[in-house]
């Protein structure tokens, strides 16, 4: 699932306020960096930062997707290699164990009684026909 892109309510509010101030006086200036020009620079700076952030998120999402694809391919290859060792040497061989498999003779099987206990009970239907 891709990450949510960043938006800013403050940026939207500032753009609306700047357009209103521009309608009053395009050169409005209250001193001490309290001017419409400085406000527009800050709006542009924040817009650029958000765009950069969202681009980085898109790159991260693409990278994560690529990693997941590579992991899936590697997992499939590992499984095929283990099956190849089992085919050539058998699944109860030392080679199979060396390749990362569990030898058939080393597998722990549940006893018949345990398997019967853990099986779901059969439903007995008393149907009158």
C-alpha atoms as a PDB file:
ATOM      1  CA  UNK A   1       0.000   0.000   0.000  1.00  0.00           C
ATOM      2  CA  UNK A   2       1.542   3.304  -1.015  1.00  0.00           C
ATOM      3  CA  UNK A   3       2.170   5.940   1.590  1.00  0.00           C
ATOM      4  CA  UNK A   4      -0.208   8.887   1.754  1.00  0.00           C
ATOM      5  CA  UNK A   5       1.100  11.997   0.054  1.00  0.00           C
ATOM      6  CA  UNK A   6       1.577  15.059   2.207  1.00  0.00           C
ATOM      7  CA  UNK A   7      -0.722  18.041   1.929  1.00  0.00           C
ATOM      8  CA  UNK A   8      -0.861  21.187   4.027  1.00  0.00           C
ATOM      9  CA  UNK A   9      -3.965  22.971   5.241  1.00  0.00           C
ATOM     10  CA  UNK A  10      -1.741  25.861   6.303  1.00  0.00           C
ATOM     11  CA  UNK A  11      -0.358  26.160   2.774  1.00  0.00           C
ATOM     12  CA  UNK A  12      -3.863  26.232   1.276  1.00  0.00           C
ATOM     13  CA  UNK A  13      -4.928  28.843   3.827  1.00  0.00           C
ATOM     14  CA  UNK A  14      -1.820  30.959   3.115  1.00  0.00           C
ATOM     15  CA  UNK A  15      -2.492  30.883  -0.637  1.00  0.00           C
ATOM     16  CA  UNK A  16      -6.040  32.100  -0.085  1.00  0.00           C
ATOM     17  CA  UNK A  17      -4.836  34.804   2.265  1.00  0.00           C
ATOM     18  CA  UNK A  18      -2.133  35.907  -0.195  1.00  0.00           C
ATOM     19  CA  UNK A  19      -4.670  36.224  -3.002  1.00  0.00           C
ATOM     20  CA  UNK A  20      -6.876  38.339  -0.719  1.00  0.00           C
ATOM     21  CA  UNK A  21      -3.939  40.555   0.268  1.00  0.00           C
ATOM     22  CA  UNK A  22      -2.968  40.898  -3.375  1.00  0.00           C
ATOM     23  CA  UNK A  23      -6.470  42.159  -4.122  1.00  0.00           C
ATOM     24  CA  UNK A  24      -6.068  44.830  -1.441  1.00  0.00           C
ATOM     25  CA  UNK A  25      -2.598  45.990  -2.492  1.00  0.00           C
ATOM     26  CA  UNK A  26      -0.087  43.968  -4.572  1.00  0.00           C
ATOM     27  CA  UNK A  27       2.822  45.761  -2.830  1.00  0.00           C
ATOM     28  CA  UNK A  28       1.522  45.581   0.741  1.00  0.00           C
ATOM     29  CA  UNK A  29       4.378  45.717   3.272  1.00  0.00           C
ATOM     30  CA  UNK A  30       4.159  46.019   7.069  1.00  0.00           C
ATOM     31  CA  UNK A  31       7.954  45.889   7.641  1.00  0.00           C
ATOM     32  CA  UNK A  32      10.088  43.245   9.402  1.00  0.00           C
ATOM     33  CA  UNK A  33       9.555  40.630   6.655  1.00  0.00           C
ATOM     34  CA  UNK A  34       5.811  41.129   6.869  1.00  0.00           C
ATOM     35  CA  UNK A  35       5.271  41.743   3.183  1.00  0.00           C
ATOM     36  CA  UNK A  36       3.260  40.031   0.501  1.00  0.00           C
ATOM     37  CA  UNK A  37       6.454  39.337  -1.454  1.00  0.00           C
ATOM     38  CA  UNK A  38       8.066  37.551   1.534  1.00  0.00           C
ATOM     39  CA  UNK A  39       4.826  35.635   2.161  1.00  0.00           C
ATOM     40  CA  UNK A  40       4.798  34.475  -1.472  1.00  0.00           C
ATOM     41  CA  UNK A  41       8.443  33.330  -1.140  1.00  0.00           C
ATOM     42  CA  UNK A  42       7.534  31.290   1.950  1.00  0.00           C
ATOM     43  CA  UNK A  43       4.542  29.776   0.133  1.00  0.00           C
ATOM     44  CA  UNK A  44       6.772  28.811  -2.801  1.00  0.00           C
ATOM     45  CA  UNK A  45       9.411  27.379  -0.441  1.00  0.00           C
ATOM     46  CA  UNK A  46       6.864  25.227   1.424  1.00  0.00           C
ATOM     47  CA  UNK A  47       5.289  24.089  -1.859  1.00  0.00           C
ATOM     48  CA  UNK A  48       8.705  23.006  -3.145  1.00  0.00           C
ATOM     49  CA  UNK A  49       9.465  21.142   0.110  1.00  0.00           C
ATOM     50  CA  UNK A  50       6.150  19.294   0.021  1.00  0.00           C
ATOM     51  CA  UNK A  51       6.725  18.365  -3.629  1.00  0.00           C
ATOM     52  CA  UNK A  52      10.205  17.070  -2.762  1.00  0.00           C
ATOM     53  CA  UNK A  53       8.786  15.108   0.174  1.00  0.00           C
ATOM     54  CA  UNK A  54       6.038  13.542  -1.965  1.00  0.00           C
ATOM     55  CA  UNK A  55       8.561  12.650  -4.669  1.00  0.00           C
ATOM     56  CA  UNK A  56      10.737  10.947  -2.048  1.00  0.00           C
ATOM     57  CA  UNK A  57       7.695   8.987  -0.837  1.00  0.00           C
ATOM     58  CA  UNK A  58       7.010   7.846  -4.393  1.00  0.00           C
ATOM     59  CA  UNK A  59      10.627   6.694  -4.728  1.00  0.00           C
ATOM     60  CA  UNK A  60      10.373   4.831  -1.406  1.00  0.00           C
ATOM     61  CA  UNK A  61       7.142   3.149  -2.509  1.00  0.00           C
ATOM     62  CA  UNK A  62       8.751   2.075  -5.785  1.00  0.00           C
ATOM     63  CA  UNK A  63      11.804   0.791  -3.908  1.00  0.00           C
ATOM     64  CA  UNK A  64       9.649  -1.172  -1.456  1.00  0.00           C
ATOM     65  CA  UNK A  65       7.703  -2.728  -4.318  1.00  0.00           C
ATOM     66  CA  UNK A  66      10.959  -3.713  -6.037  1.00  0.00           C
ATOM     67  CA  UNK A  67      12.326  -5.212  -2.795  1.00  0.00           C
ATOM     68  CA  UNK A  68       9.142  -7.244  -2.293  1.00  0.00           C
ATOM     69  CA  UNK A  69       9.342  -8.520  -5.870  1.00  0.00           C
ATOM     70  CA  UNK A  70      13.009  -9.479  -5.458  1.00  0.00           C
ATOM     71  CA  UNK A  71      12.253 -11.216  -2.138  1.00  0.00           C
ATOM     72  CA  UNK A  72       9.486 -13.225  -3.786  1.00  0.00           C
ATOM     73  CA  UNK A  73      11.774 -14.226  -6.665  1.00  0.00           C
ATOM     74  CA  UNK A  74      14.566 -15.217  -4.270  1.00  0.00           C
ATOM     75  CA  UNK A  75      12.148 -17.223  -2.118  1.00  0.00           C
ATOM     76  CA  UNK A  76      10.945 -19.109  -5.183  1.00  0.00           C
ATOM     77  CA  UNK A  77      14.532 -19.783  -6.265  1.00  0.00           C
ATOM     78  CA  UNK A  78      15.459 -21.086  -2.782  1.00  0.00           C
ATOM     79  CA  UNK A  79      12.453 -23.382  -2.801  1.00  0.00           C
ATOM     80  CA  UNK A  80      13.321 -24.701  -6.262  1.00  0.00           C
ATOM     81  CA  UNK A  81      16.948 -25.282  -5.246  1.00  0.00           C
ATOM     82  CA  UNK A  82      15.876 -27.237  -2.162  1.00  0.00           C
ATOM     83  CA  UNK A  83      13.478 -29.282  -4.284  1.00  0.00           C
ATOM     84  CA  UNK A  84      16.340 -29.939  -6.709  1.00  0.00           C
ATOM     85  CA  UNK A  85      18.517 -31.244  -3.872  1.00  0.00           C
ATOM     86  CA  UNK A  86      15.600 -33.401  -2.662  1.00  0.00           C
ATOM     87  CA  UNK A  87      15.122 -34.757  -6.195  1.00  0.00           C
ATOM     88  CA  UNK A  88      18.802 -35.552  -6.702  1.00  0.00           C
ATOM     89  CA  UNK A  89      19.788 -36.776  -3.222  1.00  0.00           C
ATOM     90  CA  UNK A  90      16.435 -37.540  -1.572  1.00  0.00           C
ATOM     91  CA  UNK A  91      14.608 -35.701   1.180  1.00  0.00           C
ATOM     92  CA  UNK A  92      16.148 -37.896   3.901  1.00  0.00           C
ATOM     93  CA  UNK A  93      19.761 -37.263   2.903  1.00  0.00           C
ATOM     94  CA  UNK A  94      22.541 -35.313   4.597  1.00  0.00           C
ATOM     95  CA  UNK A  95      22.746 -33.075   1.506  1.00  0.00           C
ATOM     96  CA  UNK A  96      19.085 -32.124   1.913  1.00  0.00           C
ATOM     97  CA  UNK A  97      19.760 -31.155   5.519  1.00  0.00           C
ATOM     98  CA  UNK A  98      22.903 -29.232   4.495  1.00  0.00           C
ATOM     99  CA  UNK A  99      20.800 -27.267   1.986  1.00  0.00           C
ATOM    100  CA  UNK A 100      18.474 -26.155   4.780  1.00  0.00           C
ATOM    101  CA  UNK A 101      15.730 -28.751   4.632  1.00  0.00           C
ATOM    102  CA  UNK A 102      14.477 -30.924   7.482  1.00  0.00           C
ATOM    103  CA  UNK A 103      15.181 -34.583   6.821  1.00  0.00           C
ATOM    104  CA  UNK A 104      12.110 -36.754   6.486  1.00  0.00           C
ATOM    105  CA  UNK A 105      13.251 -39.024   9.304  1.00  0.00           C
ATOM    106  CA  UNK A 106      13.771 -36.002  11.611  1.00  0.00           C
ATOM    107  CA  UNK A 107      10.254 -34.634  11.186  1.00  0.00           C
ATOM    108  CA  UNK A 108       8.075 -34.949  14.274  1.00  0.00           C
ATOM    109  CA  UNK A 109       4.700 -36.416  13.457  1.00  0.00           C
ATOM    110  CA  UNK A 110       1.736 -36.269  15.742  1.00  0.00           C
ATOM    111  CA  UNK A 111       0.469 -39.595  16.958  1.00  0.00           C
ATOM    112  CA  UNK A 112      -2.802 -40.895  15.603  1.00  0.00           C
ATOM    113  CA  UNK A 113      -4.578 -40.219  18.891  1.00  0.00           C
ATOM    114  CA  UNK A 114      -3.400 -36.591  18.931  1.00  0.00           C
ATOM    115  CA  UNK A 115      -4.433 -36.088  15.315  1.00  0.00           C
ATOM    116  CA  UNK A 116      -7.891 -37.480  16.059  1.00  0.00           C
ATOM    117  CA  UNK A 117      -8.275 -35.174  19.084  1.00  0.00           C
ATOM    118  CA  UNK A 118      -7.315 -32.064  17.116  1.00  0.00           C
ATOM    119  CA  UNK A 119      -9.568 -32.924  14.166  1.00  0.00           C
ATOM    120  CA  UNK A 120     -12.864 -30.995  14.109  1.00  0.00           C
ATOM    121  CA  UNK A 121     -15.758 -33.083  15.395  1.00  0.00           C
ATOM    122  CA  UNK A 122     -17.976 -34.541  12.743  1.00  0.00           C
ATOM    123  CA  UNK A 123     -21.485 -33.237  12.782  1.00  0.00           C
ATOM    124  CA  UNK A 124     -24.040 -35.969  13.230  1.00  0.00           C
ATOM    125  CA  UNK A 125     -27.283 -35.043  11.611  1.00  0.00           C
ATOM    126  CA  UNK A 126     -30.453 -36.621  12.862  1.00  0.00           C
ATOM    127  CA  UNK A 127     -32.558 -36.045   9.817  1.00  0.00           C
ATOM    128  CA  UNK A 128     -36.035 -37.437   9.804  1.00  0.00           C
ATOM    129  CA  UNK A 129     -36.980 -38.467   6.320  1.00  0.00           C
END
